[in-house]
Amino acid sequence: MVGLVVCVSGCGAGDGPATGSGGPFFEQPMFFNRDVSGASPASNSDTIISTLRADGGWGNGDRMQIDFGFDVLQADASTPRRSFTPTDDFYSPDCDEVEMPVPPAGNVEGESGYACTGGGDCHLLVFDPGAGKLYEMWRANIDGAFDGGCLAVWDSRQVYGDTLRGDQCTSADAAGFPIAPLLFTADEVAGGEIAHAIRFILPNDRVQQQYVRPATHGTDTTGGSTAASYGVHLRLKASFDVASLPSEGAKVVARAMQKYGMYHADGGNIALTATSDRHTTAKWEGLLDSHDLASLRVEDFEVIDHGAPIDLTLDCAR
């Protein structure tokens, strides 16, 4: 079966500032389950936001846009498993060289099938709920042979600590995060609630070469000393007028950003990432347009404190 997994058992997040129940995908609470609506901003929040403004704000001409290019496929015990040949985008010991489930008629990010033809990131995301495994690969390409970059296998039943899969370790995202649980779906938006934090990205010249928890990794960025660190957690201000947004779908996303915030996960220009509606019941047309959040400026956000930045050494300890 190929399908988008919206949630596993216990997907609601807690109402308080502490981590609540698990989900999506993970049965145990994770960082993206935290309700931060009552958390105080970081002491340097204004400085980081001012620097981001001076550096140009969001990517894409300082226009917040949504990328609907991701898909999360579902596997079970009958799904074929395939080994892959690691490419130069596979790093040891950060990445996992194991057989990966490849559901029939599936696809990688931004493509109609498994062949990576457009030069994009071509993430391959597969969830096997029966085995409790979330497989996430960067730059997968299956065109007869199977070549792949970094594969991160997440145990959806495990209790992960502050260093996730390992400090200084990357995943299929440069920050070391799982990708799928931070994406939002048409089914969630149509249901009126995104009960978790959201993934976002920034151009690498607007982020300094450090990271903050819960990130475990960063990359070659060129931002100055007052720029945001990799993994920065932004929250839409409570004072933002959600009613001013042009669609009900945009209002659902904005309320999630006020309650759970959004975590910086990788470099790029299209700020927000959602799933496509290829495998969902609800469809994006008439629900949410890619430009419905374009009125959100960096000044509408504040930074949630996650401790002192950590220097990037690339010395992964699994």
C-alpha atoms as a PDB file:
ATOM      1  CA  MET A   1       0.000   0.000   0.000  1.00  0.00           C
ATOM      2  CA  VAL A   2       1.212   3.494  -0.787  1.00  0.00           C
ATOM      3  CA  GLY A   3      -0.334   6.249   1.262  1.00  0.00           C
ATOM      4  CA  LEU A   4       0.376   9.352   3.242  1.00  0.00           C
ATOM      5  CA  VAL A   5       0.542   8.684   6.953  1.00  0.00           C
ATOM      6  CA  VAL A   6      -0.988  11.606   8.783  1.00  0.00           C
ATOM      7  CA  CYS A   7      -0.749  10.285  12.327  1.00  0.00           C
ATOM      8  CA  VAL A   8      -0.180   7.260  14.498  1.00  0.00           C
ATOM      9  CA  SER A   9      -1.791   6.476  17.831  1.00  0.00           C
ATOM     10  CA  GLY A  10      -1.706   9.336  20.323  1.00  0.00           C
ATOM     11  CA  CYS A  11      -1.056  12.211  17.953  1.00  0.00           C
ATOM     12  CA  GLY A  12      -2.337  15.027  20.133  1.00  0.00           C
ATOM     13  CA  ALA A  13       0.188  17.262  21.846  1.00  0.00           C
ATOM     14  CA  GLY A  14       0.006  18.449  25.404  1.00  0.00           C
ATOM     15  CA  ASP A  15      -1.651  21.713  26.372  1.00  0.00           C
ATOM     16  CA  GLY A  16       1.116  22.841  28.707  1.00  0.00           C
ATOM     17  CA  PRO A  17       4.634  24.048  28.026  1.00  0.00           C
ATOM     18  CA  ALA A  18       6.140  20.634  28.684  1.00  0.00           C
ATOM     19  CA  THR A  19       6.255  17.862  26.109  1.00  0.00           C
ATOM     20  CA  GLY A  20       2.890  16.143  25.738  1.00  0.00           C
ATOM     21  CA  SER A  21       1.992  12.864  24.079  1.00  0.00           C
ATOM     22  CA  GLY A  22       3.639  11.558  20.934  1.00  0.00           C
ATOM     23  CA  GLY A  23       2.866  11.819  17.250  1.00  0.00           C
ATOM     24  CA  PRO A  24       2.820  12.246  14.395  1.00  0.00           C
ATOM     25  CA  PHE A  25       4.689   9.024  13.547  1.00  0.00           C
ATOM     26  CA  PHE A  26       6.441   8.824  16.941  1.00  0.00           C
ATOM     27  CA  GLU A  27       4.656   7.128  19.820  1.00  0.00           C
ATOM     28  CA  GLN A  28       6.826   8.828  22.443  1.00  0.00           C
ATOM     29  CA  PRO A  29       6.898  12.617  22.939  1.00  0.00           C
ATOM     30  CA  MET A  30       9.397  14.529  20.846  1.00  0.00           C
ATOM     31  CA  PHE A  31      10.539  18.142  20.672  1.00  0.00           C
ATOM     32  CA  PHE A  32       7.943  18.990  18.035  1.00  0.00           C
ATOM     33  CA  ASN A  33       5.128  18.038  20.447  1.00  0.00           C
ATOM     34  CA  ARG A  34       5.899  20.886  22.856  1.00  0.00           C
ATOM     35  CA  ASP A  35       3.355  23.642  23.293  1.00  0.00           C
ATOM     36  CA  VAL A  36       5.537  26.764  23.454  1.00  0.00           C
ATOM     37  CA  SER A  37       2.746  29.344  23.339  1.00  0.00           C
ATOM     38  CA  GLY A  38       3.598  30.413  26.875  1.00  0.00           C
ATOM     39  CA  ALA A  39       7.394  30.213  26.645  1.00  0.00           C
ATOM     40  CA  SER A  40       9.436  33.397  27.029  1.00  0.00           C
ATOM     41  CA  PRO A  41      11.394  34.565  23.982  1.00  0.00           C
ATOM     42  CA  ALA A  42      15.167  34.151  24.019  1.00  0.00           C
ATOM     43  CA  SER A  43      17.090  37.124  25.403  1.00  0.00           C
ATOM     44  CA  ASN A  44      18.658  37.700  21.966  1.00  0.00           C
ATOM     45  CA  SER A  45      15.423  37.177  20.018  1.00  0.00           C
ATOM     46  CA  ASP A  46      15.219  40.796  18.823  1.00  0.00           C
ATOM     47  CA  THR A  47      18.857  40.723  17.704  1.00  0.00           C
ATOM     48  CA  ILE A  48      18.421  37.523  15.715  1.00  0.00           C
ATOM     49  CA  ILE A  49      15.243  38.776  14.050  1.00  0.00           C
ATOM     50  CA  SER A  50      16.859  42.134  13.240  1.00  0.00           C
ATOM     51  CA  THR A  51      19.839  40.358  11.707  1.00  0.00           C
ATOM     52  CA  LEU A  52      17.566  38.151   9.626  1.00  0.00           C
ATOM     53  CA  ARG A  53      15.794  41.283   8.389  1.00  0.00           C
ATOM     54  CA  ALA A  54      19.103  42.992   7.543  1.00  0.00           C
ATOM     55  CA  ASP A  55      20.232  39.873   5.673  1.00  0.00           C
ATOM     56  CA  GLY A  56      17.117  39.858   3.503  1.00  0.00           C
ATOM     57  CA  GLY A  57      14.468  38.036   5.534  1.00  0.00           C
ATOM     58  CA  TRP A  58      13.068  34.815   4.125  1.00  0.00           C
ATOM     59  CA  GLY A  59      14.467  33.400   0.928  1.00  0.00           C
ATOM     60  CA  ASN A  60      12.494  33.651  -2.305  1.00  0.00           C
ATOM     61  CA  GLY A  61      12.712  37.453  -2.398  1.00  0.00           C
ATOM     62  CA  ASP A  62      11.640  37.683   1.245  1.00  0.00           C
ATOM     63  CA  ARG A  63       8.311  36.036   0.509  1.00  0.00           C
ATOM     64  CA  MET A  64       7.120  33.166   2.679  1.00  0.00           C
ATOM     65  CA  GLN A  65       5.992  30.381   0.371  1.00  0.00           C
ATOM     66  CA  ILE A  66       4.973  26.749   0.878  1.00  0.00           C
ATOM     67  CA  ASP A  67       6.644  23.828  -0.894  1.00  0.00           C
ATOM     68  CA  PHE A  68       4.158  20.984  -1.453  1.00  0.00           C
ATOM     69  CA  GLY A  69       6.755  18.610  -2.910  1.00  0.00           C
ATOM     70  CA  PHE A  70       7.194  16.012  -0.139  1.00  0.00           C
ATOM     71  CA  ASP A  71       5.447  12.652   0.159  1.00  0.00           C
ATOM     72  CA  VAL A  72       5.506  10.103   2.963  1.00  0.00           C
ATOM     73  CA  LEU A  73       4.906   6.559   1.739  1.00  0.00           C
ATOM     74  CA  GLN A  74       3.595   3.685   3.817  1.00  0.00           C
ATOM     75  CA  ALA A  75       5.136   0.225   4.009  1.00  0.00           C
ATOM     76  CA  ASP A  76       4.296  -3.028   5.753  1.00  0.00           C
ATOM     77  CA  ALA A  77       5.885  -6.444   6.153  1.00  0.00           C
ATOM     78  CA  SER A  78       5.097  -7.335   2.532  1.00  0.00           C
ATOM     79  CA  THR A  79       6.756  -4.253   1.024  1.00  0.00           C
ATOM     80  CA  PRO A  80       9.871  -5.124  -1.020  1.00  0.00           C
ATOM     81  CA  ARG A  81      13.161  -4.177   0.643  1.00  0.00           C
ATOM     82  CA  ARG A  82      16.113  -3.022  -1.428  1.00  0.00           C
ATOM     83  CA  SER A  83      19.747  -2.396  -0.679  1.00  0.00           C
ATOM     84  CA  PHE A  84      21.336   0.705  -2.168  1.00  0.00           C
ATOM     85  CA  THR A  85      24.733   1.913  -3.276  1.00  0.00           C
ATOM     86  CA  PRO A  86      25.821   4.856  -1.105  1.00  0.00           C
ATOM     87  CA  THR A  87      26.779   8.008  -2.985  1.00  0.00           C
ATOM     88  CA  ASP A  88      29.083  10.852  -1.938  1.00  0.00           C
ATOM     89  CA  ASP A  89      26.078  12.234  -0.014  1.00  0.00           C
ATOM     90  CA  PHE A  90      26.260   9.304   2.437  1.00  0.00           C
ATOM     91  CA  TYR A  91      28.274  10.032   5.582  1.00  0.00           C
ATOM     92  CA  SER A  92      29.613   7.577   8.112  1.00  0.00           C
ATOM     93  CA  PRO A  93      28.810   7.066  10.951  1.00  0.00           C
ATOM     94  CA  ASP A  94      25.932   9.540  10.614  1.00  0.00           C
ATOM     95  CA  CYS A  95      23.912   7.525   8.111  1.00  0.00           C
ATOM     96  CA  ASP A  96      22.458   4.011   8.132  1.00  0.00           C
ATOM     97  CA  GLU A  97      23.328   1.498   5.427  1.00  0.00           C
ATOM     98  CA  VAL A  98      20.424  -0.944   5.671  1.00  0.00           C
ATOM     99  CA  GLU A  99      17.832  -2.268   3.259  1.00  0.00           C
ATOM    100  CA  MET A 100      15.030   0.197   2.669  1.00  0.00           C
ATOM    101  CA  PRO A 101      11.360  -0.578   1.964  1.00  0.00           C
ATOM    102  CA  VAL A 102      10.352   0.628  -1.491  1.00  0.00           C
ATOM    103  CA  PRO A 103       6.541   0.636  -1.910  1.00  0.00           C
ATOM    104  CA  PRO A 104       5.260  -0.056  -5.420  1.00  0.00           C
ATOM    105  CA  ALA A 105       4.131   3.023  -7.367  1.00  0.00           C
ATOM    106  CA  GLY A 106       5.836   5.389  -4.930  1.00  0.00           C
ATOM    107  CA  ASN A 107       8.002   8.425  -5.572  1.00  0.00           C
ATOM    108  CA  VAL A 108      10.769  10.618  -4.238  1.00  0.00           C
ATOM    109  CA  GLU A 109      10.285  14.270  -3.376  1.00  0.00           C
ATOM    110  CA  GLY A 110       9.389  16.396  -6.380  1.00  0.00           C
ATOM    111  CA  GLU A 111       9.138  13.484  -8.825  1.00  0.00           C
ATOM    112  CA  SER A 112       6.334  11.308 -10.156  1.00  0.00           C
ATOM    113  CA  GLY A 113       8.386   8.148  -9.589  1.00  0.00           C
ATOM    114  CA  TYR A 114      11.577   6.988  -7.926  1.00  0.00           C
ATOM    115  CA  ALA A 115      14.010   8.365 -10.520  1.00  0.00           C
ATOM    116  CA  CYS A 116      15.644  11.618  -9.430  1.00  0.00           C
ATOM    117  CA  THR A 117      15.615  13.486 -12.732  1.00  0.00           C
ATOM    118  CA  GLY A 118      15.149  17.144 -11.784  1.00  0.00           C
ATOM    119  CA  GLY A 119      18.284  17.767  -9.751  1.00  0.00           C
ATOM    120  CA  GLY A 120      16.391  18.321  -6.495  1.00  0.00           C
ATOM    121  CA  ASP A 121      16.899  16.852  -3.045  1.00  0.00           C
ATOM    122  CA  CYS A 122      14.777  13.792  -3.951  1.00  0.00           C
ATOM    123  CA  HIS A 123      14.022  12.796  -0.365  1.00  0.00           C
ATOM    124  CA  LEU A 124      12.537   9.323  -0.029  1.00  0.00           C
ATOM    125  CA  LEU A 125      10.385   9.066   3.104  1.00  0.00           C
ATOM    126  CA  VAL A 126       8.813   5.722   4.054  1.00  0.00           C
ATOM    127  CA  PHE A 127       6.993   4.824   7.266  1.00  0.00           C
ATOM    128  CA  ASP A 128       6.507   1.212   8.371  1.00  0.00           C
ATOM    129  CA  PRO A 129       4.116   1.429  11.357  1.00  0.00           C
ATOM    130  CA  GLY A 130       4.108  -2.315  11.963  1.00  0.00           C
ATOM    131  CA  ALA A 131       7.875  -2.339  12.423  1.00  0.00           C
ATOM    132  CA  GLY A 132       7.943   1.046  14.138  1.00  0.00           C
ATOM    133  CA  LYS A 133      10.454   2.420  11.636  1.00  0.00           C
ATOM    134  CA  LEU A 134      10.613   5.700   9.748  1.00  0.00           C
ATOM    135  CA  TYR A 135      13.081   5.617   6.857  1.00  0.00           C
ATOM    136  CA  GLU A 136      14.267   8.956   5.473  1.00  0.00           C
ATOM    137  CA  MET A 137      16.806   9.205   2.660  1.00  0.00           C
ATOM    138  CA  TRP A 138      18.363  12.237   1.010  1.00  0.00           C
ATOM    139  CA  ARG A 139      18.993  12.208  -2.749  1.00  0.00           C
ATOM    140  CA  ALA A 140      17.531   8.816  -3.464  1.00  0.00           C
ATOM    141  CA  ASN A 141      17.537   7.665  -7.066  1.00  0.00           C
ATOM    142  CA  ILE A 142      16.023   4.405  -8.277  1.00  0.00           C
ATOM    143  CA  ASP A 143      16.335   4.039 -12.028  1.00  0.00           C
ATOM    144  CA  GLY A 144      16.985   0.332 -12.307  1.00  0.00           C
ATOM    145  CA  ALA A 145      19.837   0.542  -9.793  1.00  0.00           C
ATOM    146  CA  PHE A 146      19.266   2.153  -6.384  1.00  0.00           C
ATOM    147  CA  ASP A 147      21.704   4.884  -5.374  1.00  0.00           C
ATOM    148  CA  GLY A 148      21.213   6.939  -2.257  1.00  0.00           C
ATOM    149  CA  GLY A 149      22.655   9.592  -0.013  1.00  0.00           C
ATOM    150  CA  CYS A 150      22.226   9.753   3.744  1.00  0.00           C
ATOM    151  CA  LEU A 151      19.620   7.344   5.119  1.00  0.00           C
ATOM    152  CA  ALA A 152      18.384   7.955   8.660  1.00  0.00           C
ATOM    153  CA  VAL A 153      16.289   5.199  10.225  1.00  0.00           C
ATOM    154  CA  TRP A 154      14.180   6.410  13.151  1.00  0.00           C
ATOM    155  CA  ASP A 155      12.612   4.105  15.726  1.00  0.00           C
ATOM    156  CA  SER A 156       9.078   5.448  16.157  1.00  0.00           C
ATOM    157  CA  ARG A 157       8.770   3.721  19.556  1.00  0.00           C
ATOM    158  CA  GLN A 158      12.041   4.919  21.049  1.00  0.00           C
ATOM    159  CA  VAL A 159      12.470   7.648  23.633  1.00  0.00           C
ATOM    160  CA  TYR A 160      15.022  10.005  22.051  1.00  0.00           C
ATOM    161  CA  GLY A 161      17.181  12.212  24.231  1.00  0.00           C
ATOM    162  CA  ASP A 162      18.582  15.671  23.545  1.00  0.00           C
ATOM    163  CA  THR A 163      21.062  14.368  20.984  1.00  0.00           C
ATOM    164  CA  LEU A 164      18.469  12.416  18.929  1.00  0.00           C
ATOM    165  CA  ARG A 165      20.398   9.915  16.745  1.00  0.00           C
ATOM    166  CA  GLY A 166      23.762  11.325  17.903  1.00  0.00           C
ATOM    167  CA  ASP A 167      25.423  14.667  18.559  1.00  0.00           C
ATOM    168  CA  GLN A 168      27.195  16.270  15.579  1.00  0.00           C
ATOM    169  CA  CYS A 169      25.296  13.755  13.405  1.00  0.00           C
ATOM    170  CA  THR A 170      23.245  14.670  10.383  1.00  0.00           C
ATOM    171  CA  SER A 171      20.134  12.884   9.115  1.00  0.00           C
ATOM    172  CA  ALA A 172      18.278  13.258   5.827  1.00  0.00           C
ATOM    173  CA  ASP A 173      18.025  16.917   6.950  1.00  0.00           C
ATOM    174  CA  ALA A 174      21.125  18.928   7.809  1.00  0.00           C
ATOM    175  CA  ALA A 175      19.860  19.768  11.320  1.00  0.00           C
ATOM    176  CA  GLY A 176      19.693  16.072  12.232  1.00  0.00           C
ATOM    177  CA  PHE A 177      15.899  16.146  12.618  1.00  0.00           C
ATOM    178  CA  PRO A 178      13.349  13.649  11.342  1.00  0.00           C
ATOM    179  CA  ILE A 179      11.554  15.248   8.394  1.00  0.00           C
ATOM    180  CA  ALA A 180       8.132  13.606   8.169  1.00  0.00           C
ATOM    181  CA  PRO A 181       6.767  14.643  11.600  1.00  0.00           C
ATOM    182  CA  LEU A 182       7.494  18.319  10.874  1.00  0.00           C
ATOM    183  CA  LEU A 183       5.634  18.376   7.564  1.00  0.00           C
ATOM    184  CA  PHE A 184       1.984  19.371   7.545  1.00  0.00           C
ATOM    185  CA  THR A 185      -0.641  17.693   5.378  1.00  0.00           C
ATOM    186  CA  ALA A 186      -3.850  18.599   3.598  1.00  0.00           C
ATOM    187  CA  ASP A 187      -5.726  16.206   5.878  1.00  0.00           C
ATOM    188  CA  GLU A 188      -4.431  17.960   8.991  1.00  0.00           C
ATOM    189  CA  VAL A 189      -5.283  21.390   7.620  1.00  0.00           C
ATOM    190  CA  ALA A 190      -8.731  20.293   6.469  1.00  0.00           C
ATOM    191  CA  GLY A 191      -9.304  18.867   9.964  1.00  0.00           C
ATOM    192  CA  GLY A 192      -8.608  22.293  11.449  1.00  0.00           C
ATOM    193  CA  GLU A 193      -5.479  21.561  13.489  1.00  0.00           C
ATOM    194  CA  ILE A 194      -1.767  20.909  13.024  1.00  0.00           C
ATOM    195  CA  ALA A 195      -0.791  19.473  16.414  1.00  0.00           C
ATOM    196  CA  HIS A 196       2.980  19.785  16.058  1.00  0.00           C
ATOM    197  CA  ALA A 197       5.746  22.181  15.090  1.00  0.00           C
ATOM    198  CA  ILE A 198       6.536  22.819  11.421  1.00  0.00           C
ATOM    199  CA  ARG A 199       9.724  22.490   9.366  1.00  0.00           C
ATOM    200  CA  PHE A 200      11.184  25.602   7.723  1.00  0.00           C
ATOM    201  CA  ILE A 201      14.352  26.476   5.849  1.00  0.00           C
ATOM    202  CA  LEU A 202      16.487  29.568   5.238  1.00  0.00           C
ATOM    203  CA  PRO A 203      19.219  30.528   2.762  1.00  0.00           C
ATOM    204  CA  ASN A 204      22.603  29.511   4.168  1.00  0.00           C
ATOM    205  CA  ASP A 205      23.913  33.095   4.154  1.00  0.00           C
ATOM    206  CA  ARG A 206      21.370  33.945   6.890  1.00  0.00           C
ATOM    207  CA  VAL A 207      22.443  31.277   9.390  1.00  0.00           C
ATOM    208  CA  GLN A 208      25.702  31.097  11.346  1.00  0.00           C
ATOM    209  CA  GLN A 209      27.862  27.973  11.477  1.00  0.00           C
ATOM    210  CA  GLN A 210      26.579  26.712  14.825  1.00  0.00           C
ATOM    211  CA  TYR A 211      23.493  24.837  15.947  1.00  0.00           C
ATOM    212  CA  VAL A 212      21.126  24.917  18.906  1.00  0.00           C
ATOM    213  CA  ARG A 213      19.127  22.134  20.496  1.00  0.00           C
ATOM    214  CA  PRO A 214      17.180  20.188  19.516  1.00  0.00           C
ATOM    215  CA  ALA A 215      19.345  20.210  16.352  1.00  0.00           C
ATOM    216  CA  THR A 216      22.380  17.924  16.395  1.00  0.00           C
ATOM    217  CA  HIS A 217      24.128  19.181  13.273  1.00  0.00           C
ATOM    218  CA  GLY A 218      24.579  22.123  10.942  1.00  0.00           C
ATOM    219  CA  THR A 219      26.296  22.799   7.648  1.00  0.00           C
ATOM    220  CA  ASP A 220      28.567  25.270   5.833  1.00  0.00           C
ATOM    221  CA  THR A 221      26.703  28.513   6.439  1.00  0.00           C
ATOM    222  CA  THR A 222      28.018  32.062   6.168  1.00  0.00           C
ATOM    223  CA  GLY A 223      25.787  34.150   8.453  1.00  0.00           C
ATOM    224  CA  GLY A 224      27.376  36.602  10.867  1.00  0.00           C
ATOM    225  CA  SER A 225      27.843  36.301  14.603  1.00  0.00           C
ATOM    226  CA  THR A 226      24.366  37.653  15.428  1.00  0.00           C
ATOM    227  CA  ALA A 227      22.561  35.505  12.861  1.00  0.00           C
ATOM    228  CA  ALA A 228      20.311  32.593  13.787  1.00  0.00           C
ATOM    229  CA  SER A 229      21.976  29.261  14.523  1.00  0.00           C
ATOM    230  CA  TYR A 230      21.043  26.069  12.695  1.00  0.00           C
ATOM    231  CA  GLY A 231      17.933  24.534  14.229  1.00  0.00           C
ATOM    232  CA  VAL A 232      16.570  27.866  15.486  1.00  0.00           C
ATOM    233  CA  HIS A 233      13.009  27.655  16.829  1.00  0.00           C
ATOM    234  CA  LEU A 234      10.733  30.508  15.715  1.00  0.00           C
ATOM    235  CA  ARG A 235       7.232  31.186  17.038  1.00  0.00           C
ATOM    236  CA  LEU A 236       4.634  33.379  15.385  1.00  0.00           C
ATOM    237  CA  LYS A 237       3.781  36.165  17.820  1.00  0.00           C
ATOM    238  CA  ALA A 238       0.481  35.885  19.663  1.00  0.00           C
ATOM    239  CA  SER A 239      -0.243  39.468  18.586  1.00  0.00           C
ATOM    240  CA  PHE A 240      -0.318  38.525  14.895  1.00  0.00           C
ATOM    241  CA  ASP A 241      -3.832  38.891  13.477  1.00  0.00           C
ATOM    242  CA  VAL A 242      -4.525  35.382  12.179  1.00  0.00           C
ATOM    243  CA  ALA A 243      -7.932  36.543  10.906  1.00  0.00           C
ATOM    244  CA  SER A 244      -6.134  38.734   8.344  1.00  0.00           C
ATOM    245  CA  LEU A 245      -4.902  35.705   6.379  1.00  0.00           C
ATOM    246  CA  PRO A 246      -6.659  34.940   3.081  1.00  0.00           C
ATOM    247  CA  SER A 247      -7.762  31.329   3.646  1.00  0.00           C
ATOM    248  CA  GLU A 248      -8.912  29.030   6.420  1.00  0.00           C
ATOM    249  CA  GLY A 249      -5.969  26.754   5.637  1.00  0.00           C
ATOM    250  CA  ALA A 250      -3.503  29.595   6.194  1.00  0.00           C
ATOM    251  CA  LYS A 251      -5.149  30.321   9.545  1.00  0.00           C
ATOM    252  CA  VAL A 252      -4.684  26.682  10.625  1.00  0.00           C
ATOM    253  CA  VAL A 253      -0.971  26.853   9.774  1.00  0.00           C
ATOM    254  CA  ALA A 254      -0.569  30.183  11.563  1.00  0.00           C
ATOM    255  CA  ARG A 255      -2.240  28.896  14.732  1.00  0.00           C
ATOM    256  CA  ALA A 256       0.170  25.943  14.758  1.00  0.00           C
ATOM    257  CA  MET A 257       3.090  28.355  14.444  1.00  0.00           C
ATOM    258  CA  GLN A 258       1.757  30.312  17.424  1.00  0.00           C
ATOM    259  CA  LYS A 259       1.347  27.193  19.575  1.00  0.00           C
ATOM    260  CA  TYR A 260       4.214  24.917  18.509  1.00  0.00           C
ATOM    261  CA  GLY A 261       6.399  27.155  16.363  1.00  0.00           C
ATOM    262  CA  MET A 262       8.622  26.123  13.477  1.00  0.00           C
ATOM    263  CA  TYR A 263      12.115  24.615  13.475  1.00  0.00           C
ATOM    264  CA  HIS A 264      14.867  25.477  11.031  1.00  0.00           C
ATOM    265  CA  ALA A 265      15.956  22.208   9.419  1.00  0.00           C
ATOM    266  CA  ASP A 266      17.912  22.876   6.220  1.00  0.00           C
ATOM    267  CA  GLY A 267      19.101  25.422   3.691  1.00  0.00           C
ATOM    268  CA  GLY A 268      17.014  26.731   0.807  1.00  0.00           C
ATOM    269  CA  ASN A 269      14.662  29.424  -0.393  1.00  0.00           C
ATOM    270  CA  ILE A 270      11.066  28.175  -0.027  1.00  0.00           C
ATOM    271  CA  ALA A 271      10.488  28.686   3.683  1.00  0.00           C
ATOM    272  CA  LEU A 272       7.742  26.208   4.594  1.00  0.00           C
ATOM    273  CA  THR A 273       7.410  22.551   3.650  1.00  0.00           C
ATOM    274  CA  ALA A 274       4.256  20.472   3.470  1.00  0.00           C
ATOM    275  CA  THR A 275       3.328  17.205   1.813  1.00  0.00           C
ATOM    276  CA  SER A 276       1.721  16.962  -1.573  1.00  0.00           C
ATOM    277  CA  ASP A 277      -1.905  15.823  -1.743  1.00  0.00           C
ATOM    278  CA  ARG A 278      -1.050  12.851  -3.935  1.00  0.00           C
ATOM    279  CA  HIS A 279      -1.890  10.345  -1.194  1.00  0.00           C
ATOM    280  CA  THR A 280      -4.224  12.358   1.042  1.00  0.00           C
ATOM    281  CA  THR A 281      -7.996  12.431   1.247  1.00  0.00           C
ATOM    282  CA  ALA A 282      -8.161  16.233   1.380  1.00  0.00           C
ATOM    283  CA  LYS A 283      -6.700  18.255  -1.490  1.00  0.00           C
ATOM    284  CA  TRP A 284      -4.864  21.573  -1.402  1.00  0.00           C
ATOM    285  CA  GLU A 285      -6.957  23.249  -4.091  1.00  0.00           C
ATOM    286  CA  GLY A 286      -9.392  25.586  -2.415  1.00  0.00           C
ATOM    287  CA  LEU A 287      -7.826  24.835   0.987  1.00  0.00           C
ATOM    288  CA  LEU A 288      -4.379  26.434   0.955  1.00  0.00           C
ATOM    289  CA  ASP A 289      -2.349  28.126  -1.760  1.00  0.00           C
ATOM    290  CA  SER A 290       1.429  28.215  -1.754  1.00  0.00           C
ATOM    291  CA  HIS A 291       1.355  32.022  -1.312  1.00  0.00           C
ATOM    292  CA  ASP A 292      -1.365  32.286   1.353  1.00  0.00           C
ATOM    293  CA  LEU A 293       1.220  33.037   4.060  1.00  0.00           C
ATOM    294  CA  ALA A 294       3.143  35.618   2.042  1.00  0.00           C
ATOM    295  CA  SER A 295       2.103  38.415   4.414  1.00  0.00           C
ATOM    296  CA  LEU A 296       4.121  36.858   7.263  1.00  0.00           C
ATOM    297  CA  ARG A 297       7.318  38.836   7.780  1.00  0.00           C
ATOM    298  CA  VAL A 298      10.289  37.840   9.898  1.00  0.00           C
ATOM    299  CA  GLU A 299       9.296  40.575  12.373  1.00  0.00           C
ATOM    300  CA  ASP A 300       6.079  38.655  13.081  1.00  0.00           C
ATOM    301  CA  PHE A 301       8.180  35.927  14.755  1.00  0.00           C
ATOM    302  CA  GLU A 302      10.276  35.598  17.890  1.00  0.00           C
ATOM    303  CA  VAL A 303      12.995  33.132  18.875  1.00  0.00           C
ATOM    304  CA  ILE A 304      12.425  30.463  21.535  1.00  0.00           C
ATOM    305  CA  ASP A 305      15.509  29.868  23.678  1.00  0.00           C
ATOM    306  CA  HIS A 306      17.164  26.436  23.414  1.00  0.00           C
ATOM    307  CA  GLY A 307      20.426  27.192  25.184  1.00  0.00           C
ATOM    308  CA  ALA A 308      23.866  28.235  24.030  1.00  0.00           C
ATOM    309  CA  PRO A 309      24.876  27.549  20.417  1.00  0.00           C
ATOM    310  CA  ILE A 310      27.089  24.522  19.812  1.00  0.00           C
ATOM    311  CA  ASP A 311      30.096  24.748  17.513  1.00  0.00           C
ATOM    312  CA  LEU A 312      29.992  22.540  14.447  1.00  0.00           C
ATOM    313  CA  THR A 313      32.765  19.923  14.464  1.00  0.00           C
ATOM    314  CA  LEU A 314      31.227  17.218  12.202  1.00  0.00           C
ATOM    315  CA  ASP A 315      32.587  14.637  14.666  1.00  0.00           C
ATOM    316  CA  CYS A 316      29.460  12.472  14.774  1.00  0.00           C
ATOM    317  CA  ALA A 317      29.000  10.313  17.878  1.00  0.00           C
ATOM    318  CA  ARG A 318      26.205   7.777  17.402  1.00  0.00           C
END
